[in-house]
PDB file of N, CA and C in Angstrom:
ATOM      1  N   ARG A   1      10.432 -45.854  12.043  1.00  0.00           N
ATOM      2  CA  ARG A   1      11.728 -46.162  11.954  1.00  0.00           C
ATOM      3  C   ARG A   1      12.809 -45.039  11.968  1.00  0.00           C
ATOM      4  N   THR A   2      12.417 -44.303  11.253  1.00  0.00           N
ATOM      5  CA  THR A   2      13.580 -42.814  11.065  1.00  0.00           C
ATOM      6  C   THR A   2      13.805 -42.374  12.212  1.00  0.00           C
ATOM      7  N   CYS A   3      12.736 -42.032  13.036  1.00  0.00           N
ATOM      8  CA  CYS A   3      13.311 -41.528  14.304  1.00  0.00           C
ATOM      9  C   CYS A   3      13.852 -42.401  15.359  1.00  0.00           C
ATOM     10  N   ALA A   4      13.523 -43.328  15.230  1.00  0.00           N
ATOM     11  CA  ALA A   4      14.593 -44.159  16.190  1.00  0.00           C
ATOM     12  C   ALA A   4      15.999 -44.520  16.006  1.00  0.00           C
ATOM     13  N   ALA A   5      16.076 -44.336  14.421  1.00  0.00           N
ATOM     14  CA  ALA A   5      17.656 -44.339  13.954  1.00  0.00           C
ATOM     15  C   ALA A   5      18.156 -43.131  14.234  1.00  0.00           C
ATOM     16  N   LEU A   6      17.432 -41.830  14.248  1.00  0.00           N
ATOM     17  CA  LEU A   6      18.005 -40.514  14.800  1.00  0.00           C
ATOM     18  C   LEU A   6      18.151 -40.230  16.130  1.00  0.00           C
ATOM     19  N   ARG A   7      17.339 -40.936  17.286  1.00  0.00           N
ATOM     20  CA  ARG A   7      17.699 -40.844  18.376  1.00  0.00           C
ATOM     21  C   ARG A   7      19.056 -41.764  18.632  1.00  0.00           C
ATOM     22  N   ARG A   8      18.819 -43.119  18.220  1.00  0.00           N
ATOM     23  CA  ARG A   8      20.311 -43.887  18.327  1.00  0.00           C
ATOM     24  C   ARG A   8      21.535 -43.190  17.955  1.00  0.00           C
ATOM     25  N   ASN A   9      21.284 -42.297  16.854  1.00  0.00           N
ATOM     26  CA  ASN A   9      22.775 -41.495  16.540  1.00  0.00           C
ATOM     27  C   ASN A   9      22.771 -40.197  16.977  1.00  0.00           C
ATOM     28  N   GLY A  10      22.103 -39.764  18.308  1.00  0.00           N
ATOM     29  CA  GLY A  10      22.363 -38.731  19.011  1.00  0.00           C
ATOM     30  C   GLY A  10      21.646 -37.314  18.442  1.00  0.00           C
ATOM     31  N   PHE A  11      20.617 -37.775  17.899  1.00  0.00           N
ATOM     32  CA  PHE A  11      19.253 -36.524  17.358  1.00  0.00           C
ATOM     33  C   PHE A  11      18.555 -36.271  18.690  1.00  0.00           C
ATOM     34  N   HIS A  12      18.060 -35.346  18.905  1.00  0.00           N
ATOM     35  CA  HIS A  12      16.736 -34.845  19.638  1.00  0.00           C
ATOM     36  C   HIS A  12      15.979 -34.003  19.303  1.00  0.00           C
ATOM     37  N   SER A  13      14.927 -33.495  19.874  1.00  0.00           N
ATOM     38  CA  SER A  13      14.073 -32.899  19.424  1.00  0.00           C
ATOM     39  C   SER A  13      13.255 -32.861  18.224  1.00  0.00           C
ATOM     40  N   LEU A  14      12.899 -33.957  18.060  1.00  0.00           N
ATOM     41  CA  LEU A  14      12.728 -34.735  16.760  1.00  0.00           C
ATOM     42  C   LEU A  14      11.104 -34.142  16.430  1.00  0.00           C
ATOM     43  N   ARG A  15      10.862 -33.718  15.467  1.00  0.00           N
ATOM     44  CA  ARG A  15       9.493 -33.216  14.977  1.00  0.00           C
ATOM     45  C   ARG A  15       9.326 -33.581  13.435  1.00  0.00           C
ATOM     46  N   THR A  16       8.236 -34.371  13.264  1.00  0.00           N
ATOM     47  CA  THR A  16       7.680 -34.956  11.932  1.00  0.00           C
ATOM     48  C   THR A  16       6.515 -34.174  11.935  1.00  0.00           C
ATOM     49  N   VAL A  17       6.634 -33.557  10.246  1.00  0.00           N
ATOM     50  CA  VAL A  17       5.220 -32.608   9.791  1.00  0.00           C
ATOM     51  C   VAL A  17       5.001 -33.459   8.574  1.00  0.00           C
ATOM     52  N   GLU A  18       3.548 -33.958   8.405  1.00  0.00           N
ATOM     53  CA  GLU A  18       2.960 -34.182   7.021  1.00  0.00           C
ATOM     54  C   GLU A  18       2.764 -33.079   6.009  1.00  0.00           C
ATOM     55  N   ALA A  19       3.482 -33.173   4.862  1.00  0.00           N
ATOM     56  CA  ALA A  19       3.001 -32.340   3.803  1.00  0.00           C
ATOM     57  C   ALA A  19       2.342 -32.998   2.651  1.00  0.00           C
ATOM     58  N   ARG A  20       1.156 -32.539   2.487  1.00  0.00           N
ATOM     59  CA  ARG A  20       0.230 -32.938   1.360  1.00  0.00           C
ATOM     60  C   ARG A  20      -0.167 -32.310   0.500  1.00  0.00           C
ATOM     61  N   LEU A  21      -0.107 -32.486  -0.923  1.00  0.00           N
ATOM     62  CA  LEU A  21      -0.529 -31.566  -1.948  1.00  0.00           C
ATOM     63  C   LEU A  21      -2.094 -31.512  -1.651  1.00  0.00           C
ATOM     64  N   LYS A  22      -2.488 -30.568  -1.889  1.00  0.00           N
ATOM     65  CA  LYS A  22      -4.302 -30.102  -1.519  1.00  0.00           C
ATOM     66  C   LYS A  22      -4.569 -29.618  -2.924  1.00  0.00           C
ATOM     67  N   GLU A  23      -5.400 -29.849  -3.526  1.00  0.00           N
ATOM     68  CA  GLU A  23      -6.093 -29.561  -4.941  1.00  0.00           C
ATOM     69  C   GLU A  23      -7.321 -28.413  -4.110  1.00  0.00           C
ATOM     70  N   PHE A  24      -7.449 -27.276  -5.199  1.00  0.00           N
ATOM     71  CA  PHE A  24      -8.493 -26.424  -4.964  1.00  0.00           C
ATOM     72  C   PHE A  24      -9.285 -26.135  -6.050  1.00  0.00           C
ATOM     73  N   TYR A  25     -10.616 -26.295  -5.722  1.00  0.00           N
ATOM     74  CA  TYR A  25     -11.260 -25.695  -6.966  1.00  0.00           C
ATOM     75  C   TYR A  25     -11.678 -24.497  -6.813  1.00  0.00           C
ATOM     76  N   VAL A  26     -11.285 -23.401  -8.184  1.00  0.00           N
ATOM     77  CA  VAL A  26     -11.033 -22.154  -8.135  1.00  0.00           C
ATOM     78  C   VAL A  26     -12.122 -21.704  -9.238  1.00  0.00           C
ATOM     79  N   ALA A  27     -13.338 -20.872  -8.478  1.00  0.00           N
ATOM     80  CA  ALA A  27     -14.328 -20.264  -9.703  1.00  0.00           C
ATOM     81  C   ALA A  27     -14.484 -18.868  -9.605  1.00  0.00           C
ATOM     82  N   SER A  28     -14.844 -18.208 -10.566  1.00  0.00           N
ATOM     83  CA  SER A  28     -15.613 -16.913 -10.047  1.00  0.00           C
ATOM     84  C   SER A  28     -16.977 -17.196  -9.861  1.00  0.00           C
ATOM     85  N   VAL A  29     -17.287 -16.180  -8.609  1.00  0.00           N
ATOM     86  CA  VAL A  29     -18.675 -16.393  -7.915  1.00  0.00           C
ATOM     87  C   VAL A  29     -19.105 -14.929  -8.146  1.00  0.00           C
ATOM     88  N   GLU A  30     -20.576 -14.669  -8.066  1.00  0.00           N
ATOM     89  CA  GLU A  30     -21.148 -13.605  -8.205  1.00  0.00           C
ATOM     90  C   GLU A  30     -21.669 -13.462  -6.542  1.00  0.00           C
ATOM     91  N   LEU A  31     -21.286 -12.480  -6.022  1.00  0.00           N
ATOM     92  CA  LEU A  31     -22.136 -11.849  -4.637  1.00  0.00           C
ATOM     93  C   LEU A  31     -22.777 -10.920  -5.098  1.00  0.00           C
ATOM     94  N   PRO A  32     -23.943 -11.013  -4.146  1.00  0.00           N
ATOM     95  CA  PRO A  32     -24.916  -9.585  -3.934  1.00  0.00           C
ATOM     96  C   PRO A  32     -24.377  -8.762  -3.007  1.00  0.00           C
ATOM     97  N   VAL A  33     -24.504  -7.450  -3.291  1.00  0.00           N
ATOM     98  CA  VAL A  33     -23.970  -6.355  -2.828  1.00  0.00           C
ATOM     99  C   VAL A  33     -24.859  -5.842  -1.597  1.00  0.00           C
ATOM    100  N   PRO A  34     -24.403  -6.105  -0.141  1.00  0.00           N
ATOM    101  CA  PRO A  34     -25.132  -5.930   0.941  1.00  0.00           C
ATOM    102  C   PRO A  34     -26.088  -4.626   0.687  1.00  0.00           C
ATOM    103  N   PRO A  35     -27.308  -4.729   1.390  1.00  0.00           N
ATOM    104  CA  PRO A  35     -27.821  -3.298   1.222  1.00  0.00           C
ATOM    105  C   PRO A  35     -27.233  -2.028   2.244  1.00  0.00           C
ATOM    106  N   THR A  36     -27.306  -0.990   1.942  1.00  0.00           N
ATOM    107  CA  THR A  36     -26.775  -0.171   2.845  1.00  0.00           C
ATOM    108  C   THR A  36     -28.012   0.883   3.278  1.00  0.00           C
ATOM    109  N   ASP A  37     -28.062   1.467   4.828  1.00  0.00           N
ATOM    110  CA  ASP A  37     -28.895   1.869   5.131  1.00  0.00           C
ATOM    111  C   ASP A  37     -28.754   3.253   5.050  1.00  0.00           C
ATOM    112  N   LEU A  38     -28.553   4.196   4.079  1.00  0.00           N
ATOM    113  CA  LEU A  38     -27.812   5.428   3.985  1.00  0.00           C
ATOM    114  C   LEU A  38     -29.108   6.341   4.099  1.00  0.00           C
ATOM    115  N   PRO A  39     -29.060   7.224   4.890  1.00  0.00           N
ATOM    116  CA  PRO A  39     -30.517   8.089   4.958  1.00  0.00           C
ATOM    117  C   PRO A  39     -30.568   8.978   3.529  1.00  0.00           C
ATOM    118  N   VAL A  40     -31.849   9.217   3.466  1.00  0.00           N
ATOM    119  CA  VAL A  40     -32.254   9.817   2.312  1.00  0.00           C
ATOM    120  C   VAL A  40     -32.092  11.176   1.910  1.00  0.00           C
ATOM    121  N   VAL A  41     -31.337  11.471   0.974  1.00  0.00           N
ATOM    122  CA  VAL A  41     -30.958  13.116   0.977  1.00  0.00           C
ATOM    123  C   VAL A  41     -32.083  13.874   0.018  1.00  0.00           C
ATOM    124  N   LEU A  42     -32.543  14.612   0.534  1.00  0.00           N
ATOM    125  CA  LEU A  42     -33.531  15.289  -0.145  1.00  0.00           C
ATOM    126  C   LEU A  42     -32.658  16.664  -1.190  1.00  0.00           C
ATOM    127  N   SER A  43     -33.487  17.064  -2.123  1.00  0.00           N
ATOM    128  CA  SER A  43     -33.055  18.234  -2.886  1.00  0.00           C
ATOM    129  C   SER A  43     -33.122  19.300  -2.334  1.00  0.00           C
ATOM    130  N   GLU A  44     -32.202  20.284  -2.641  1.00  0.00           N
ATOM    131  CA  GLU A  44     -31.969  21.474  -1.672  1.00  0.00           C
ATOM    132  C   GLU A  44     -33.501  22.545  -1.579  1.00  0.00           C
ATOM    133  N   GLU A  45     -34.370  22.451  -2.720  1.00  0.00           N
ATOM    134  CA  GLU A  45     -35.290  22.965  -2.477  1.00  0.00           C
ATOM    135  C   GLU A  45     -36.334  22.360  -1.174  1.00  0.00           C
ATOM    136  N   ALA A  46     -36.354  20.851  -1.332  1.00  0.00           N
ATOM    137  CA  ALA A  46     -37.131  20.335  -0.169  1.00  0.00           C
ATOM    138  C   ALA A  46     -36.508  20.649   1.183  1.00  0.00           C
ATOM    139  N   SER A  47     -35.105  20.633   1.141  1.00  0.00           N
ATOM    140  CA  SER A  47     -34.483  20.766   2.268  1.00  0.00           C
ATOM    141  C   SER A  47     -34.637  22.158   2.837  1.00  0.00           C
ATOM    142  N   SER A  48     -34.875  23.182   2.276  1.00  0.00           N
ATOM    143  CA  SER A  48     -34.971  24.431   2.508  1.00  0.00           C
ATOM    144  C   SER A  48     -36.858  24.648   3.411  1.00  0.00           C
ATOM    145  N   ILE A  49     -37.389  23.873   2.496  1.00  0.00           N
ATOM    146  CA  ILE A  49     -38.789  23.699   3.050  1.00  0.00           C
ATOM    147  C   ILE A  49     -38.663  23.031   4.440  1.00  0.00           C
ATOM    148  N   GLU A  50     -38.585  21.690   4.557  1.00  0.00           N
ATOM    149  CA  GLU A  50     -38.224  21.025   5.838  1.00  0.00           C
ATOM    150  C   GLU A  50     -37.511  22.040   7.081  1.00  0.00           C
ATOM    151  N   LYS A  51     -36.818  22.634   6.453  1.00  0.00           N
ATOM    152  CA  LYS A  51     -36.160  23.412   7.766  1.00  0.00           C
ATOM    153  C   LYS A  51     -36.956  24.605   8.087  1.00  0.00           C
ATOM    154  N   VAL A  52     -37.761  25.136   7.370  1.00  0.00           N
ATOM    155  CA  VAL A  52     -38.803  26.063   7.388  1.00  0.00           C
ATOM    156  C   VAL A  52     -39.988  25.419   8.535  1.00  0.00           C
ATOM    157  N   ARG A  53     -40.440  24.153   8.033  1.00  0.00           N
ATOM    158  CA  ARG A  53     -41.614  23.524   8.651  1.00  0.00           C
ATOM    159  C   ARG A  53     -40.945  23.516  10.189  1.00  0.00           C
ATOM    160  N   LEU A  54     -39.547  22.859  10.212  1.00  0.00           N
ATOM    161  CA  LEU A  54     -39.343  22.743  11.644  1.00  0.00           C
ATOM    162  C   LEU A  54     -38.975  23.851  12.503  1.00  0.00           C
ATOM    163  N   ALA A  55     -38.739  25.030  11.783  1.00  0.00           N
ATOM    164  CA  ALA A  55     -38.584  26.239  12.412  1.00  0.00           C
ATOM    165  C   ALA A  55     -40.021  26.627  13.005  1.00  0.00           C
ATOM    166  N   ASN A  56     -40.951  26.448  12.428  1.00  0.00           N
ATOM    167  CA  ASN A  56     -42.341  26.814  12.521  1.00  0.00           C
ATOM    168  C   ASN A  56     -43.060  25.629  13.567  1.00  0.00           C
ATOM    169  N   GLY A  57     -42.302  25.092  13.957  1.00  0.00           N
ATOM    170  CA  GLY A  57     -42.927  24.071  14.623  1.00  0.00           C
ATOM    171  C   GLY A  57     -43.784  22.911  14.308  1.00  0.00           C
ATOM    172  N   GLY A  58     -43.402  22.324  12.977  1.00  0.00           N
ATOM    173  CA  GLY A  58     -43.892  21.680  12.067  1.00  0.00           C
ATOM    174  C   GLY A  58     -45.129  21.975  11.378  1.00  0.00           C
ATOM    175  N   VAL A  59     -45.399  23.470  11.249  1.00  0.00           N
ATOM    176  CA  VAL A  59     -46.701  23.877  10.752  1.00  0.00           C
ATOM    177  C   VAL A  59     -46.092  24.680   9.462  1.00  0.00           C
ATOM    178  N   LEU A  60     -47.018  24.409   8.231  1.00  0.00           N
ATOM    179  CA  LEU A  60     -46.874  25.048   7.033  1.00  0.00           C
ATOM    180  C   LEU A  60     -47.775  25.680   6.648  1.00  0.00           C
ATOM    181  N   THR A  61     -47.975  26.992   5.686  1.00  0.00           N
ATOM    182  CA  THR A  61     -49.080  27.551   4.871  1.00  0.00           C
ATOM    183  C   THR A  61     -49.427  26.630   3.876  1.00  0.00           C
ATOM    184  N   PRO A  62     -50.633  26.841   3.528  1.00  0.00           N
ATOM    185  CA  PRO A  62     -51.207  25.893   2.247  1.00  0.00           C
ATOM    186  C   PRO A  62     -50.459  25.921   1.037  1.00  0.00           C
ATOM    187  N   ASN A  63     -49.858  27.018   0.863  1.00  0.00           N
ATOM    188  CA  ASN A  63     -48.951  26.947  -0.244  1.00  0.00           C
ATOM    189  C   ASN A  63     -47.448  26.196  -0.107  1.00  0.00           C
ATOM    190  N   GLN A  64     -47.031  26.056   0.926  1.00  0.00           N
ATOM    191  CA  GLN A  64     -45.795  25.758   1.356  1.00  0.00           C
ATOM    192  C   GLN A  64     -46.014  23.997   1.438  1.00  0.00           C
ATOM    193  N   LEU A  65     -47.504  23.759   2.336  1.00  0.00           N
ATOM    194  CA  LEU A  65     -47.827  22.157   1.874  1.00  0.00           C
ATOM    195  C   LEU A  65     -47.812  21.756   0.669  1.00  0.00           C
ATOM    196  N   GLU A  66     -48.417  22.628  -0.549  1.00  0.00           N
ATOM    197  CA  GLU A  66     -48.498  21.891  -1.841  1.00  0.00           C
ATOM    198  C   GLU A  66     -47.110  21.929  -2.253  1.00  0.00           C
ATOM    199  N   GLU A  67     -46.535  22.608  -1.991  1.00  0.00           N
ATOM    200  CA  GLU A  67     -44.996  23.045  -2.640  1.00  0.00           C
ATOM    201  C   GLU A  67     -44.183  21.819  -1.970  1.00  0.00           C
ATOM    202  N   ARG A  68     -44.264  21.588  -0.686  1.00  0.00           N
ATOM    203  CA  ARG A  68     -43.484  20.505  -0.181  1.00  0.00           C
ATOM    204  C   ARG A  68     -43.838  18.961  -0.727  1.00  0.00           C
ATOM    205  N   ALA A  69     -45.513  19.141  -1.052  1.00  0.00           N
ATOM    206  CA  ALA A  69     -45.677  17.766  -1.363  1.00  0.00           C
ATOM    207  C   ALA A  69     -45.028  17.473  -2.645  1.00  0.00           C
ATOM    208  N   ASP A  70     -45.139  18.390  -3.920  1.00  0.00           N
ATOM    209  CA  ASP A  70     -44.480  18.386  -5.305  1.00  0.00           C
ATOM    210  C   ASP A  70     -43.184  18.058  -5.093  1.00  0.00           C
ATOM    211  N   LEU A  71     -42.525  18.699  -4.088  1.00  0.00           N
ATOM    212  CA  LEU A  71     -41.172  18.507  -4.386  1.00  0.00           C
ATOM    213  C   LEU A  71     -40.884  16.877  -3.586  1.00  0.00           C
ATOM    214  N   LEU A  72     -41.304  16.531  -2.856  1.00  0.00           N
ATOM    215  CA  LEU A  72     -41.198  15.144  -2.329  1.00  0.00           C
ATOM    216  C   LEU A  72     -41.434  14.425  -3.200  1.00  0.00           C
ATOM    217  N   GLY A  73     -42.798  14.488  -4.029  1.00  0.00           N
ATOM    218  CA  GLY A  73     -43.094  13.315  -4.970  1.00  0.00           C
ATOM    219  C   GLY A  73     -42.132  13.633  -6.192  1.00  0.00           C
ATOM    220  N   GLN A  74     -41.213  14.356  -6.371  1.00  0.00           N
ATOM    221  CA  GLN A  74     -40.131  14.463  -7.432  1.00  0.00           C
ATOM    222  C   GLN A  74     -38.881  13.470  -6.967  1.00  0.00           C
ATOM    223  N   LYS A  75     -38.102  13.209  -7.918  1.00  0.00           N
ATOM    224  CA  LYS A  75     -37.085  12.375  -7.449  1.00  0.00           C
ATOM    225  C   LYS A  75     -36.367  13.133  -6.438  1.00  0.00           C
ATOM    226  N   ARG A  76     -35.561  12.404  -5.501  1.00  0.00           N
ATOM    227  CA  ARG A  76     -34.681  12.827  -4.645  1.00  0.00           C
ATOM    228  C   ARG A  76     -33.367  12.575  -5.263  1.00  0.00           C
ATOM    229  N   LYS A  77     -32.046  13.529  -4.321  1.00  0.00           N
ATOM    230  CA  LYS A  77     -31.016  13.295  -5.024  1.00  0.00           C
ATOM    231  C   LYS A  77     -30.642  11.608  -4.771  1.00  0.00           C
ATOM    232  N   GLY A  78     -29.865  11.232  -6.009  1.00  0.00           N
ATOM    233  CA  GLY A  78     -29.310   9.896  -5.925  1.00  0.00           C
ATOM    234  C   GLY A  78     -30.519   8.683  -6.294  1.00  0.00           C
ATOM    235  N   ASP A  79     -31.927   9.298  -6.228  1.00  0.00           N
ATOM    236  CA  ASP A  79     -32.588   7.947  -6.789  1.00  0.00           C
ATOM    237  C   ASP A  79     -32.341   7.604  -8.240  1.00  0.00           C
ATOM    238  N   GLU A  80     -31.561   8.146  -9.007  1.00  0.00           N
ATOM    239  CA  GLU A  80     -31.406   7.623 -10.347  1.00  0.00           C
ATOM    240  C   GLU A  80     -30.335   6.040  -9.983  1.00  0.00           C
ATOM    241  N   GLN A  81     -29.988   6.108  -8.917  1.00  0.00           N
ATOM    242  CA  GLN A  81     -28.906   5.083  -8.832  1.00  0.00           C
ATOM    243  C   GLN A  81     -29.667   4.075  -7.663  1.00  0.00           C
ATOM    244  N   GLU A  82     -30.861   4.244  -7.387  1.00  0.00           N
ATOM    245  CA  GLU A  82     -31.401   3.315  -6.607  1.00  0.00           C
ATOM    246  C   GLU A  82     -31.914   1.742  -7.025  1.00  0.00           C
ATOM    247  N   SER A  83     -31.519   1.823  -8.422  1.00  0.00           N
ATOM    248  CA  SER A  83     -32.133   0.543  -8.721  1.00  0.00           C
ATOM    249  C   SER A  83     -30.797  -0.529  -8.395  1.00  0.00           C
ATOM    250  N   GLU A  84     -31.227  -1.735  -8.450  1.00  0.00           N
ATOM    251  CA  GLU A  84     -30.469  -2.910  -7.680  1.00  0.00           C
ATOM    252  C   GLU A  84     -28.849  -2.627  -8.387  1.00  0.00           C
ATOM    253  N   PRO A  85     -28.039  -2.742  -7.483  1.00  0.00           N
ATOM    254  CA  PRO A  85     -26.706  -2.706  -7.755  1.00  0.00           C
ATOM    255  C   PRO A  85     -26.109  -4.114  -7.955  1.00  0.00           C
ATOM    256  N   GLU A  86     -25.463  -3.908  -9.244  1.00  0.00           N
ATOM    257  CA  GLU A  86     -25.085  -5.223  -9.815  1.00  0.00           C
ATOM    258  C   GLU A  86     -23.768  -6.251  -8.816  1.00  0.00           C
ATOM    259  N   PRO A  87     -24.119  -7.499  -9.019  1.00  0.00           N
ATOM    260  CA  PRO A  87     -23.434  -8.251  -8.248  1.00  0.00           C
ATOM    261  C   PRO A  87     -22.068  -8.114  -8.289  1.00  0.00           C
ATOM    262  N   LYS A  88     -21.066  -8.183  -7.186  1.00  0.00           N
ATOM    263  CA  LYS A  88     -19.647  -8.318  -7.351  1.00  0.00           C
ATOM    264  C   LYS A  88     -19.164  -9.424  -7.820  1.00  0.00           C
ATOM    265  N   LYS A  89     -18.001  -9.502  -8.493  1.00  0.00           N
ATOM    266  CA  LYS A  89     -17.659 -10.981  -8.929  1.00  0.00           C
ATOM    267  C   LYS A  89     -16.219 -10.887  -8.268  1.00  0.00           C
ATOM    268  N   VAL A  90     -16.143 -12.581  -7.522  1.00  0.00           N
ATOM    269  CA  VAL A  90     -14.882 -12.457  -6.627  1.00  0.00           C
ATOM    270  C   VAL A  90     -14.470 -13.694  -7.138  1.00  0.00           C
ATOM    271  N   LEU A  91     -12.876 -14.174  -6.888  1.00  0.00           N
ATOM    272  CA  LEU A  91     -12.577 -15.321  -7.188  1.00  0.00           C
ATOM    273  C   LEU A  91     -12.788 -16.138  -5.945  1.00  0.00           C
ATOM    274  N   CYS A  92     -13.095 -17.431  -6.012  1.00  0.00           N
ATOM    275  CA  CYS A  92     -13.363 -18.190  -4.846  1.00  0.00           C
ATOM    276  C   CYS A  92     -12.867 -19.341  -4.830  1.00  0.00           C
ATOM    277  N   ALA A  93     -11.959 -19.853  -3.782  1.00  0.00           N
ATOM    278  CA  ALA A  93     -11.321 -21.010  -3.773  1.00  0.00           C
ATOM    279  C   ALA A  93     -11.764 -22.147  -2.669  1.00  0.00           C
ATOM    280  N   ARG A  94     -12.013 -23.458  -2.883  1.00  0.00           N
ATOM    281  CA  ARG A  94     -12.454 -24.468  -2.069  1.00  0.00           C
ATOM    282  C   ARG A  94     -11.948 -25.733  -2.284  1.00  0.00           C
ATOM    283  N   PRO A  95     -11.214 -26.526  -1.147  1.00  0.00           N
ATOM    284  CA  PRO A  95     -10.917 -27.773  -1.571  1.00  0.00           C
ATOM    285  C   PRO A  95     -11.823 -28.808  -1.958  1.00  0.00           C
ATOM    286  N   PHE A  96     -11.157 -29.715  -2.789  1.00  0.00           N
ATOM    287  CA  PHE A  96     -12.238 -30.759  -3.432  1.00  0.00           C
ATOM    288  C   PHE A  96     -12.612 -31.513  -1.986  1.00  0.00           C
ATOM    289  N   ALA A  97     -13.765 -32.057  -2.042  1.00  0.00           N
ATOM    290  CA  ALA A  97     -14.235 -33.060  -1.031  1.00  0.00           C
ATOM    291  C   ALA A  97     -13.211 -34.289  -1.064  1.00  0.00           C
ATOM    292  N   GLN A  98     -12.679 -34.887  -1.723  1.00  0.00           N
ATOM    293  CA  GLN A  98     -11.533 -35.734  -1.535  1.00  0.00           C
ATOM    294  C   GLN A  98     -10.386 -35.701  -2.212  1.00  0.00           C
ATOM    295  N   MET A  99      -9.346 -36.007  -1.224  1.00  0.00           N
ATOM    296  CA  MET A  99      -7.796 -35.626  -1.699  1.00  0.00           C
ATOM    297  C   MET A  99      -7.276 -36.955  -2.052  1.00  0.00           C
ATOM    298  N   ARG A 100      -6.755 -36.790  -3.536  1.00  0.00           N
ATOM    299  CA  ARG A 100      -6.042 -38.189  -3.815  1.00  0.00           C
ATOM    300  C   ARG A 100      -4.522 -37.442  -3.959  1.00  0.00           C
ATOM    301  N   GLY A 101      -3.572 -38.702  -3.872  1.00  0.00           N
ATOM    302  CA  GLY A 101      -2.336 -38.704  -4.034  1.00  0.00           C
ATOM    303  C   GLY A 101      -1.781 -39.165  -2.830  1.00  0.00           C
ATOM    304  N   HIS A 102      -0.568 -38.808  -2.393  1.00  0.00           N
ATOM    305  CA  HIS A 102       0.302 -39.421  -1.094  1.00  0.00           C
ATOM    306  C   HIS A 102       0.756 -38.070  -0.215  1.00  0.00           C
ATOM    307  N   SER A 103       1.203 -38.693   0.873  1.00  0.00           N
ATOM    308  CA  SER A 103       1.547 -37.742   1.737  1.00  0.00           C
ATOM    309  C   SER A 103       2.926 -38.066   1.661  1.00  0.00           C
ATOM    310  N   ALA A 104       3.699 -36.781   1.901  1.00  0.00           N
ATOM    311  CA  ALA A 104       5.264 -36.711   2.427  1.00  0.00           C
ATOM    312  C   ALA A 104       5.424 -36.085   3.703  1.00  0.00           C
ATOM    313  N   PHE A 105       6.506 -36.876   4.521  1.00  0.00           N
ATOM    314  CA  PHE A 105       6.759 -36.733   5.876  1.00  0.00           C
ATOM    315  C   PHE A 105       8.113 -35.994   5.873  1.00  0.00           C
ATOM    316  N   LEU A 106       8.367 -34.910   6.678  1.00  0.00           N
ATOM    317  CA  LEU A 106       9.735 -34.222   6.723  1.00  0.00           C
ATOM    318  C   LEU A 106       9.924 -34.397   8.226  1.00  0.00           C
ATOM    319  N   THR A 107      10.931 -34.995   8.753  1.00  0.00           N
ATOM    320  CA  THR A 107      11.182 -35.091   9.923  1.00  0.00           C
ATOM    321  C   THR A 107      12.603 -34.002  10.331  1.00  0.00           C
ATOM    322  N   PHE A 108      12.425 -33.117  11.549  1.00  0.00           N
ATOM    323  CA  PHE A 108      13.374 -32.375  11.819  1.00  0.00           C
ATOM    324  C   PHE A 108      14.226 -32.820  13.181  1.00  0.00           C
ATOM    325  N   ALA A 109      15.412 -32.442  12.961  1.00  0.00           N
ATOM    326  CA  ALA A 109      15.959 -33.087  14.477  1.00  0.00           C
ATOM    327  C   ALA A 109      17.299 -31.952  14.711  1.00  0.00           C
ATOM    328  N   THR A 110      17.397 -32.236  15.858  1.00  0.00           N
ATOM    329  CA  THR A 110      18.597 -31.219  16.505  1.00  0.00           C
ATOM    330  C   THR A 110      19.816 -32.315  16.734  1.00  0.00           C
ATOM    331  N   ARG A 111      20.998 -32.068  16.686  1.00  0.00           N
ATOM    332  CA  ARG A 111      21.914 -32.723  16.948  1.00  0.00           C
ATOM    333  C   ARG A 111      22.992 -32.029  18.211  1.00  0.00           C
TER     334      ARG A 111
END
């Protein structure tokens, strides 16, 4: 009825928009940290032995093999931080399944 009355009074380009109050459920959610595929970082001593091994075509002396096994058995750089990272807390909002309330209609027109 409103649109018809506006047209009778010389308005054109009518546009009606529904405005509705929408409630959201807001909660803090813990999300797991995605795994990272970072390369393993060797200690400087292990890195130097690996360089020697690669320079010699993959061959090491028995003493170097023993030293390499000892070094690779030790903790590598960053192994202290290999425990599971703590989940990140984020604020999450989602609409309620049922919306209660009423709609409001806004009509725009040009004269």
